[in-house]
Amino acid sequence: RVTPATALVLGALLSAESVWGLQIVKDTGKKPGTVYPI
């Protein structure tokens, strides 16, 4: 099952060749406690 938060993280990863973790947090608008476990 892919949650909406997982889809947001995947979208951020699709947007660039390589993305650092905090940039994904900023791009998704989700908290680090959500993004990093994903």
PDB file of all heavy atoms in Angstrom:
ATOM      1  N   ARG A   1       0.846  -1.194   0.000  1.00  0.00           N
ATOM      2  CA  ARG A   1       0.000   0.000   0.000  1.00  0.00           C
ATOM      3  C   ARG A   1       0.885   1.249   0.000  1.00  0.00           C
ATOM      4  O   ARG A   1       1.804   1.368   0.789  1.00  0.00           O
ATOM      5  CB  ARG A   1      -0.881  -0.013   1.248  1.00  0.00           C
ATOM      6  CG  ARG A   1      -1.823   1.134   1.326  1.00  0.00           C
ATOM      7  CD  ARG A   1      -2.764   0.950   2.526  1.00  0.00           C
ATOM      8  NE  ARG A   1      -3.280   2.239   2.896  1.00  0.00           N
ATOM      9  CZ  ARG A   1      -2.844   2.951   3.930  1.00  0.00           C
ATOM     10  NH1 ARG A   1      -1.914   2.476   4.726  1.00  0.00           N
ATOM     11  NH2 ARG A   1      -3.359   4.126   4.193  1.00  0.00           N
ATOM     12  N   VAL A   2       0.576   2.194  -0.882  1.00  0.00           N
ATOM     13  CA  VAL A   2       1.325   3.444  -0.953  1.00  0.00           C
ATOM     14  C   VAL A   2       0.441   4.565  -0.418  1.00  0.00           C
ATOM     15  O   VAL A   2      -0.618   4.851  -0.969  1.00  0.00           O
ATOM     16  CB  VAL A   2       1.772   3.748  -2.402  1.00  0.00           C
ATOM     17  CG1 VAL A   2       2.466   5.089  -2.480  1.00  0.00           C
ATOM     18  CG2 VAL A   2       2.680   2.647  -2.906  1.00  0.00           C
ATOM     19  N   THR A   3       0.882   5.172   0.663  1.00  0.00           N
ATOM     20  CA  THR A   3       0.120   6.250   1.292  1.00  0.00           C
ATOM     21  C   THR A   3       0.300   7.553   0.510  1.00  0.00           C
ATOM     22  O   THR A   3       1.245   7.680  -0.285  1.00  0.00           O
ATOM     23  CB  THR A   3       0.600   6.477   2.738  1.00  0.00           C
ATOM     24  OG1 THR A   3       1.951   6.955   2.695  1.00  0.00           O
ATOM     25  CG2 THR A   3       0.509   5.204   3.570  1.00  0.00           C
ATOM     26  N   PRO A   4      -0.566   8.536   0.748  1.00  0.00           N
ATOM     27  CA  PRO A   4      -0.361   9.836   0.105  1.00  0.00           C
ATOM     28  C   PRO A   4       1.008  10.439   0.431  1.00  0.00           C
ATOM     29  O   PRO A   4       1.645  11.034  -0.440  1.00  0.00           O
ATOM     30  CB  PRO A   4      -1.500  10.695   0.673  1.00  0.00           C
ATOM     31  CG  PRO A   4      -2.584   9.712   0.983  1.00  0.00           C
ATOM     32  CD  PRO A   4      -1.849   8.479   1.463  1.00  0.00           C
ATOM     33  N   ALA A   5       1.483  10.265   1.654  1.00  0.00           N
ATOM     34  CA  ALA A   5       2.797  10.791   2.030  1.00  0.00           C
ATOM     35  C   ALA A   5       3.906  10.098   1.237  1.00  0.00           C
ATOM     36  O   ALA A   5       4.862  10.750   0.806  1.00  0.00           O
ATOM     37  CB  ALA A   5       3.029  10.637   3.530  1.00  0.00           C
ATOM     38  N   THR A   6       3.782   8.795   1.029  1.00  0.00           N
ATOM     39  CA  THR A   6       4.776   8.070   0.234  1.00  0.00           C
ATOM     40  C   THR A   6       4.764   8.564  -1.206  1.00  0.00           C
ATOM     41  O   THR A   6       5.814   8.748  -1.817  1.00  0.00           O
ATOM     42  CB  THR A   6       4.519   6.552   0.283  1.00  0.00           C
ATOM     43  OG1 THR A   6       4.567   6.121   1.643  1.00  0.00           O
ATOM     44  CG2 THR A   6       5.547   5.780  -0.527  1.00  0.00           C
ATOM     45  N   ALA A   7       3.574   8.822  -1.747  1.00  0.00           N
ATOM     46  CA  ALA A   7       3.466   9.351  -3.110  1.00  0.00           C
ATOM     47  C   ALA A   7       4.125  10.730  -3.209  1.00  0.00           C
ATOM     48  O   ALA A   7       4.774  11.038  -4.209  1.00  0.00           O
ATOM     49  CB  ALA A   7       2.010   9.417  -3.548  1.00  0.00           C
ATOM     50  N   LEU A   8       3.993  11.554  -2.169  1.00  0.00           N
ATOM     51  CA  LEU A   8       4.653  12.862  -2.159  1.00  0.00           C
ATOM     52  C   LEU A   8       6.166  12.712  -2.179  1.00  0.00           C
ATOM     53  O   LEU A   8       6.865  13.420  -2.905  1.00  0.00           O
ATOM     54  CB  LEU A   8       4.239  13.665  -0.923  1.00  0.00           C
ATOM     55  CG  LEU A   8       2.831  14.244  -0.912  1.00  0.00           C
ATOM     56  CD1 LEU A   8       2.521  14.851   0.448  1.00  0.00           C
ATOM     57  CD2 LEU A   8       2.679  15.287  -1.999  1.00  0.00           C
ATOM     58  N   VAL A   9       6.686  11.797  -1.379  1.00  0.00           N
ATOM     59  CA  VAL A   9       8.133  11.554  -1.339  1.00  0.00           C
ATOM     60  C   VAL A   9       8.602  11.037  -2.700  1.00  0.00           C
ATOM     61  O   VAL A   9       9.629  11.485  -3.222  1.00  0.00           O
ATOM     62  CB  VAL A   9       8.507  10.597  -0.191  1.00  0.00           C
ATOM     63  CG1 VAL A   9       9.962  10.149  -0.293  1.00  0.00           C
ATOM     64  CG2 VAL A   9       8.241  11.255   1.157  1.00  0.00           C
ATOM     65  N   LEU A  10       7.860  10.112  -3.286  1.00  0.00           N
ATOM     66  CA  LEU A  10       8.221   9.601  -4.609  1.00  0.00           C
ATOM     67  C   LEU A  10       8.214  10.723  -5.639  1.00  0.00           C
ATOM     68  O   LEU A  10       9.094  10.797  -6.496  1.00  0.00           O
ATOM     69  CB  LEU A  10       7.273   8.478  -5.031  1.00  0.00           C
ATOM     70  CG  LEU A  10       7.431   7.156  -4.286  1.00  0.00           C
ATOM     71  CD1 LEU A  10       6.278   6.211  -4.621  1.00  0.00           C
ATOM     72  CD2 LEU A  10       8.773   6.505  -4.591  1.00  0.00           C
ATOM     73  N   GLY A  11       7.238  11.612  -5.555  1.00  0.00           N
ATOM     74  CA  GLY A  11       7.184  12.754  -6.466  1.00  0.00           C
ATOM     75  C   GLY A  11       8.410  13.646  -6.338  1.00  0.00           C
ATOM     76  O   GLY A  11       8.966  14.105  -7.336  1.00  0.00           O
ATOM     77  N   ALA A  12       8.845  13.883  -5.106  1.00  0.00           N
ATOM     78  CA  ALA A  12      10.051  14.685  -4.880  1.00  0.00           C
ATOM     79  C   ALA A  12      11.275  13.989  -5.454  1.00  0.00           C
ATOM     80  O   ALA A  12      12.153  14.633  -6.035  1.00  0.00           O
ATOM     81  CB  ALA A  12      10.229  14.959  -3.387  1.00  0.00           C
ATOM     82  N   LEU A  13      11.342  12.676  -5.298  1.00  0.00           N
ATOM     83  CA  LEU A  13      12.477  11.914  -5.831  1.00  0.00           C
ATOM     84  C   LEU A  13      12.478  11.902  -7.359  1.00  0.00           C
ATOM     85  O   LEU A  13      13.529  11.871  -7.981  1.00  0.00           O
ATOM     86  CB  LEU A  13      12.463  10.485  -5.290  1.00  0.00           C
ATOM     87  CG  LEU A  13      12.803  10.349  -3.807  1.00  0.00           C
ATOM     88  CD1 LEU A  13      12.382   8.980  -3.286  1.00  0.00           C
ATOM     89  CD2 LEU A  13      14.284  10.590  -3.571  1.00  0.00           C
ATOM     90  N   LEU A  14      11.298  11.922  -7.953  1.00  0.00           N
ATOM     91  CA  LEU A  14      11.200  11.940  -9.418  1.00  0.00           C
ATOM     92  C   LEU A  14      11.626  13.282 -10.002  1.00  0.00           C
ATOM     93  O   LEU A  14      11.994  13.363 -11.173  1.00  0.00           O
ATOM     94  CB  LEU A  14       9.762  11.638  -9.856  1.00  0.00           C
ATOM     95  CG  LEU A  14       9.321  10.186  -9.771  1.00  0.00           C
ATOM     96  CD1 LEU A  14       7.809  10.078  -9.864  1.00  0.00           C
ATOM     97  CD2 LEU A  14       9.985   9.371 -10.860  1.00  0.00           C
ATOM     98  N   SER A  15      11.598  14.327  -9.194  1.00  0.00           N
ATOM     99  CA  SER A  15      11.854  15.673  -9.698  1.00  0.00           C
ATOM    100  C   SER A  15      13.330  15.977  -9.935  1.00  0.00           C
ATOM    101  O   SER A  15      13.648  16.994 -10.541  1.00  0.00           O
ATOM    102  CB  SER A  15      11.272  16.712  -8.734  1.00  0.00           C
ATOM    103  OG  SER A  15      12.021  16.743  -7.534  1.00  0.00           O
ATOM    104  N   ALA A  16      14.229  15.137  -9.441  1.00  0.00           N
ATOM    105  CA  ALA A  16      15.663  15.409  -9.597  1.00  0.00           C
ATOM    106  C   ALA A  16      16.436  14.098  -9.603  1.00  0.00           C
ATOM    107  O   ALA A  16      15.939  13.071  -9.138  1.00  0.00           O
ATOM    108  CB  ALA A  16      16.152  16.292  -8.454  1.00  0.00           C
ATOM    109  N   GLU A  17      17.654  14.163 -10.105  1.00  0.00           N
ATOM    110  CA  GLU A  17      18.511  12.969 -10.137  1.00  0.00           C
ATOM    111  C   GLU A  17      18.858  12.507  -8.724  1.00  0.00           C
ATOM    112  O   GLU A  17      18.846  11.336  -8.409  1.00  0.00           O
ATOM    113  CB  GLU A  17      19.786  13.282 -10.925  1.00  0.00           C
ATOM    114  CG  GLU A  17      20.781  12.151 -10.976  1.00  0.00           C
ATOM    115  CD  GLU A  17      20.281  10.934 -11.738  1.00  0.00           C
ATOM    116  OE1 GLU A  17      19.463  11.091 -12.655  1.00  0.00           O
ATOM    117  OE2 GLU A  17      20.716   9.818 -11.394  1.00  0.00           O
ATOM    118  N   SER A  18      19.164  13.478  -7.857  1.00  0.00           N
ATOM    119  CA  SER A  18      19.559  13.177  -6.490  1.00  0.00           C
ATOM    120  C   SER A  18      19.055  14.321  -5.602  1.00  0.00           C
ATOM    121  O   SER A  18      19.221  15.487  -5.957  1.00  0.00           O
ATOM    122  CB  SER A  18      21.082  13.075  -6.403  1.00  0.00           C
ATOM    123  OG  SER A  18      21.492  12.774  -5.104  1.00  0.00           O
ATOM    124  N   VAL A  19      18.420  13.987  -4.485  1.00  0.00           N
ATOM    125  CA  VAL A  19      17.827  14.992  -3.610  1.00  0.00           C
ATOM    126  C   VAL A  19      18.253  14.702  -2.177  1.00  0.00           C
ATOM    127  O   VAL A  19      18.216  13.554  -1.742  1.00  0.00           O
ATOM    128  CB  VAL A  19      16.281  14.955  -3.680  1.00  0.00           C
ATOM    129  CG1 VAL A  19      15.676  16.119  -2.927  1.00  0.00           C
ATOM    130  CG2 VAL A  19      15.784  14.927  -5.107  1.00  0.00           C
ATOM    131  N   TRP A  20      18.624  15.735  -1.432  1.00  0.00           N
ATOM    132  CA  TRP A  20      18.985  15.490  -0.045  1.00  0.00           C
ATOM    133  C   TRP A  20      17.735  15.487   0.815  1.00  0.00           C
ATOM    134  O   TRP A  20      16.713  16.086   0.483  1.00  0.00           O
ATOM    135  CB  TRP A  20      20.072  16.431   0.445  1.00  0.00           C
ATOM    136  CG  TRP A  20      19.803  17.897   0.488  1.00  0.00           C
ATOM    137  CD1 TRP A  20      19.573  18.732  -0.565  1.00  0.00           C
ATOM    138  CD2 TRP A  20      19.762  18.711   1.652  1.00  0.00           C
ATOM    139  NE1 TRP A  20      19.405  20.003  -0.132  1.00  0.00           N
ATOM    140  CE2 TRP A  20      19.511  20.027   1.229  1.00  0.00           C
ATOM    141  CE3 TRP A  20      19.923  18.471   3.002  1.00  0.00           C
ATOM    142  CZ2 TRP A  20      19.406  21.092   2.112  1.00  0.00           C
ATOM    143  CZ3 TRP A  20      19.827  19.539   3.878  1.00  0.00           C
ATOM    144  CH2 TRP A  20      19.574  20.813   3.436  1.00  0.00           C
ATOM    145  N   GLY A  21      17.809  14.773   1.916  1.00  0.00           N
ATOM    146  CA  GLY A  21      16.645  14.507   2.753  1.00  0.00           C
ATOM    147  C   GLY A  21      15.864  15.735   3.169  1.00  0.00           C
ATOM    148  O   GLY A  21      14.637  15.767   3.072  1.00  0.00           O
ATOM    149  N   LEU A  22      16.548  16.780   3.657  1.00  0.00           N
ATOM    150  CA  LEU A  22      15.831  17.964   4.124  1.00  0.00           C
ATOM    151  C   LEU A  22      15.129  18.679   2.972  1.00  0.00           C
ATOM    152  O   LEU A  22      14.077  19.278   3.164  1.00  0.00           O
ATOM    153  CB  LEU A  22      16.773  18.908   4.859  1.00  0.00           C
ATOM    154  CG  LEU A  22      16.107  20.043   5.622  1.00  0.00           C
ATOM    155  CD1 LEU A  22      15.063  19.514   6.613  1.00  0.00           C
ATOM    156  CD2 LEU A  22      17.131  20.884   6.351  1.00  0.00           C
ATOM    157  N   GLN A  23      15.668  18.583   1.766  1.00  0.00           N
ATOM    158  CA  GLN A  23      14.992  19.174   0.614  1.00  0.00           C
ATOM    159  C   GLN A  23      13.692  18.435   0.331  1.00  0.00           C
ATOM    160  O   GLN A  23      12.691  19.047  -0.036  1.00  0.00           O
ATOM    161  CB  GLN A  23      15.897  19.161  -0.626  1.00  0.00           C
ATOM    162  CG  GLN A  23      15.301  19.901  -1.808  1.00  0.00           C
ATOM    163  CD  GLN A  23      15.074  21.371  -1.512  1.00  0.00           C
ATOM    164  OE1 GLN A  23      15.983  22.062  -1.059  1.00  0.00           O
ATOM    165  NE2 GLN A  23      13.878  21.855  -1.767  1.00  0.00           N
ATOM    166  N   ILE A  24      13.680  17.128   0.515  1.00  0.00           N
ATOM    167  CA  ILE A  24      12.446  16.353   0.338  1.00  0.00           C
ATOM    168  C   ILE A  24      11.419  16.778   1.384  1.00  0.00           C
ATOM    169  O   ILE A  24      10.242  16.933   1.082  1.00  0.00           O
ATOM    170  CB  ILE A  24      12.733  14.842   0.403  1.00  0.00           C
ATOM    171  CG1 ILE A  24      13.642  14.438  -0.761  1.00  0.00           C
ATOM    172  CG2 ILE A  24      11.442  14.030   0.390  1.00  0.00           C
ATOM    173  CD1 ILE A  24      14.174  13.024  -0.684  1.00  0.00           C
ATOM    174  N   VAL A  25      11.869  16.994   2.613  1.00  0.00           N
ATOM    175  CA  VAL A  25      10.973  17.488   3.677  1.00  0.00           C
ATOM    176  C   VAL A  25      10.350  18.811   3.239  1.00  0.00           C
ATOM    177  O   VAL A  25       9.130  19.004   3.336  1.00  0.00           O
ATOM    178  CB  VAL A  25      11.745  17.643   5.013  1.00  0.00           C
ATOM    179  CG1 VAL A  25      10.914  18.396   6.044  1.00  0.00           C
ATOM    180  CG2 VAL A  25      12.164  16.282   5.551  1.00  0.00           C
ATOM    181  N   LYS A  26      11.168  19.728   2.734  1.00  0.00           N
ATOM    182  CA  LYS A  26      10.667  21.034   2.288  1.00  0.00           C
ATOM    183  C   LYS A  26       9.724  20.895   1.103  1.00  0.00           C
ATOM    184  O   LYS A  26       8.675  21.538   1.049  1.00  0.00           O
ATOM    185  CB  LYS A  26      11.840  21.950   1.929  1.00  0.00           C
ATOM    186  CG  LYS A  26      12.648  22.382   3.126  1.00  0.00           C
ATOM    187  CD  LYS A  26      13.855  23.200   2.701  1.00  0.00           C
ATOM    188  CE  LYS A  26      14.717  23.551   3.891  1.00  0.00           C
ATOM    189  NZ  LYS A  26      15.926  24.294   3.489  1.00  0.00           N
ATOM    190  N   ASP A  27      10.098  20.056   0.122  1.00  0.00           N
ATOM    191  CA  ASP A  27       9.285  19.897  -1.089  1.00  0.00           C
ATOM    192  C   ASP A  27       7.919  19.283  -0.806  1.00  0.00           C
ATOM    193  O   ASP A  27       6.940  19.631  -1.459  1.00  0.00           O
ATOM    194  CB  ASP A  27      10.020  19.030  -2.115  1.00  0.00           C
ATOM    195  CG  ASP A  27      11.221  19.725  -2.733  1.00  0.00           C
ATOM    196  OD1 ASP A  27      11.401  20.947  -2.535  1.00  0.00           O
ATOM    197  OD2 ASP A  27      12.000  19.027  -3.417  1.00  0.00           O
ATOM    198  N   THR A  28       7.868  18.358   0.132  1.00  0.00           N
ATOM    199  CA  THR A  28       6.607  17.668   0.414  1.00  0.00           C
ATOM    200  C   THR A  28       5.746  18.405   1.428  1.00  0.00           C
ATOM    201  O   THR A  28       4.543  18.191   1.481  1.00  0.00           O
ATOM    202  CB  THR A  28       6.862  16.250   0.947  1.00  0.00           C
ATOM    203  OG1 THR A  28       7.587  16.331   2.177  1.00  0.00           O
ATOM    204  CG2 THR A  28       7.597  15.396  -0.062  1.00  0.00           C
ATOM    205  N   GLY A  29       6.379  19.241   2.253  1.00  0.00           N
ATOM    206  CA  GLY A  29       5.626  19.917   3.309  1.00  0.00           C
ATOM    207  C   GLY A  29       5.322  19.005   4.482  1.00  0.00           C
ATOM    208  O   GLY A  29       4.554  19.365   5.366  1.00  0.00           O
ATOM    209  N   LYS A  30       5.908  17.830   4.490  1.00  0.00           N
ATOM    210  CA  LYS A  30       5.711  16.878   5.585  1.00  0.00           C
ATOM    211  C   LYS A  30       6.826  17.030   6.606  1.00  0.00           C
ATOM    212  O   LYS A  30       7.896  17.542   6.307  1.00  0.00           O
ATOM    213  CB  LYS A  30       5.677  15.438   5.061  1.00  0.00           C
ATOM    214  CG  LYS A  30       4.528  15.150   4.132  1.00  0.00           C
ATOM    215  CD  LYS A  30       3.232  15.216   4.883  1.00  0.00           C
ATOM    216  CE  LYS A  30       2.045  14.891   4.012  1.00  0.00           C
ATOM    217  NZ  LYS A  30       0.785  15.070   4.711  1.00  0.00           N
ATOM    218  N   LYS A  31       6.586  16.540   7.789  1.00  0.00           N
ATOM    219  CA  LYS A  31       7.579  16.628   8.858  1.00  0.00           C
ATOM    220  C   LYS A  31       8.667  15.576   8.662  1.00  0.00           C
ATOM    221  O   LYS A  31       8.424  14.525   8.066  1.00  0.00           O
ATOM    222  CB  LYS A  31       6.900  16.438  10.204  1.00  0.00           C
ATOM    223  CG  LYS A  31       5.912  17.548  10.514  1.00  0.00           C
ATOM    224  CD  LYS A  31       5.308  17.378  11.878  1.00  0.00           C
ATOM    225  CE  LYS A  31       4.198  18.350  12.073  1.00  0.00           C
ATOM    226  NZ  LYS A  31       4.464  19.522  12.777  1.00  0.00           N
ATOM    227  N   PRO A  32       9.873  15.861   9.182  1.00  0.00           N
ATOM    228  CA  PRO A  32      10.959  14.880   9.059  1.00  0.00           C
ATOM    229  C   PRO A  32      10.588  13.508   9.626  1.00  0.00           C
ATOM    230  O   PRO A  32      11.013  12.487   9.086  1.00  0.00           O
ATOM    231  CB  PRO A  32      12.105  15.509   9.855  1.00  0.00           C
ATOM    232  CG  PRO A  32      11.820  16.970   9.850  1.00  0.00           C
ATOM    233  CD  PRO A  32      10.318  17.087   9.839  1.00  0.00           C
ATOM    234  N   GLY A  33       9.785  13.481  10.675  1.00  0.00           N
ATOM    235  CA  GLY A  33       9.355  12.212  11.276  1.00  0.00           C
ATOM    236  C   GLY A  33       8.453  11.398  10.370  1.00  0.00           C
ATOM    237  O   GLY A  33       8.221  10.214  10.623  1.00  0.00           O
ATOM    238  N   THR A  34       7.930  12.012   9.335  1.00  0.00           N
ATOM    239  CA  THR A  34       7.153  11.305   8.319  1.00  0.00           C
ATOM    240  C   THR A  34       8.048  10.923   7.143  1.00  0.00           C
ATOM    241  O   THR A  34       8.005   9.789   6.661  1.00  0.00           O
ATOM    242  CB  THR A  34       5.991  12.197   7.818  1.00  0.00           C
ATOM    243  OG1 THR A  34       5.129  12.496   8.911  1.00  0.00           O
ATOM    244  CG2 THR A  34       5.204  11.509   6.710  1.00  0.00           C
ATOM    245  N   VAL A  35       8.857  11.860   6.678  1.00  0.00           N
ATOM    246  CA  VAL A  35       9.657  11.670   5.458  1.00  0.00           C
ATOM    247  C   VAL A  35      10.776  10.651   5.641  1.00  0.00           C
ATOM    248  O   VAL A  35      10.940   9.750   4.814  1.00  0.00           O
ATOM    249  CB  VAL A  35      10.217  13.022   4.960  1.00  0.00           C
ATOM    250  CG1 VAL A  35      11.216  12.814   3.830  1.00  0.00           C
ATOM    251  CG2 VAL A  35       9.082  13.926   4.513  1.00  0.00           C
ATOM    252  N   TYR A  36      11.549  10.776   6.713  1.00  0.00           N
ATOM    253  CA  TYR A  36      12.713   9.899   6.850  1.00  0.00           C
ATOM    254  C   TYR A  36      12.355   8.418   7.006  1.00  0.00           C
ATOM    255  O   TYR A  36      13.023   7.566   6.407  1.00  0.00           O
ATOM    256  CB  TYR A  36      13.641  10.397   7.960  1.00  0.00           C
ATOM    257  CG  TYR A  36      14.413  11.620   7.517  1.00  0.00           C
ATOM    258  CD1 TYR A  36      14.104  12.876   8.009  1.00  0.00           C
ATOM    259  CD2 TYR A  36      15.434  11.517   6.581  1.00  0.00           C
ATOM    260  CE1 TYR A  36      14.796  14.003   7.593  1.00  0.00           C
ATOM    261  CE2 TYR A  36      16.130  12.635   6.154  1.00  0.00           C
ATOM    262  CZ  TYR A  36      15.812  13.873   6.656  1.00  0.00           C
ATOM    263  OH  TYR A  36      16.508  14.987   6.231  1.00  0.00           O
ATOM    264  N   PRO A  37      11.308   8.062   7.751  1.00  0.00           N
ATOM    265  CA  PRO A  37      10.923   6.639   7.765  1.00  0.00           C
ATOM    266  C   PRO A  37      10.488   6.123   6.387  1.00  0.00           C
ATOM    267  O   PRO A  37      10.757   4.974   6.039  1.00  0.00           O
ATOM    268  CB  PRO A  37       9.769   6.584   8.768  1.00  0.00           C
ATOM    269  CG  PRO A  37      10.004   7.739   9.671  1.00  0.00           C
ATOM    270  CD  PRO A  37      10.582   8.812   8.774  1.00  0.00           C
ATOM    271  N   ILE A  38       9.843   6.982   5.601  1.00  0.00           N
ATOM    272  CA  ILE A  38       9.459   6.584   4.238  1.00  0.00           C
ATOM    273  C   ILE A  38      10.716   6.344   3.404  1.00  0.00           C
ATOM    274  O   ILE A  38      10.818   5.348   2.675  1.00  0.00           O
ATOM    275  CB  ILE A  38       8.551   7.647   3.583  1.00  0.00           C
ATOM    276  CG1 ILE A  38       7.191   7.657   4.278  1.00  0.00           C
ATOM    277  CG2 ILE A  38       8.407   7.401   2.079  1.00  0.00           C
ATOM    278  CD1 ILE A  38       6.292   8.816   3.881  1.00  0.00           C
TER     279      ILE A  38
END
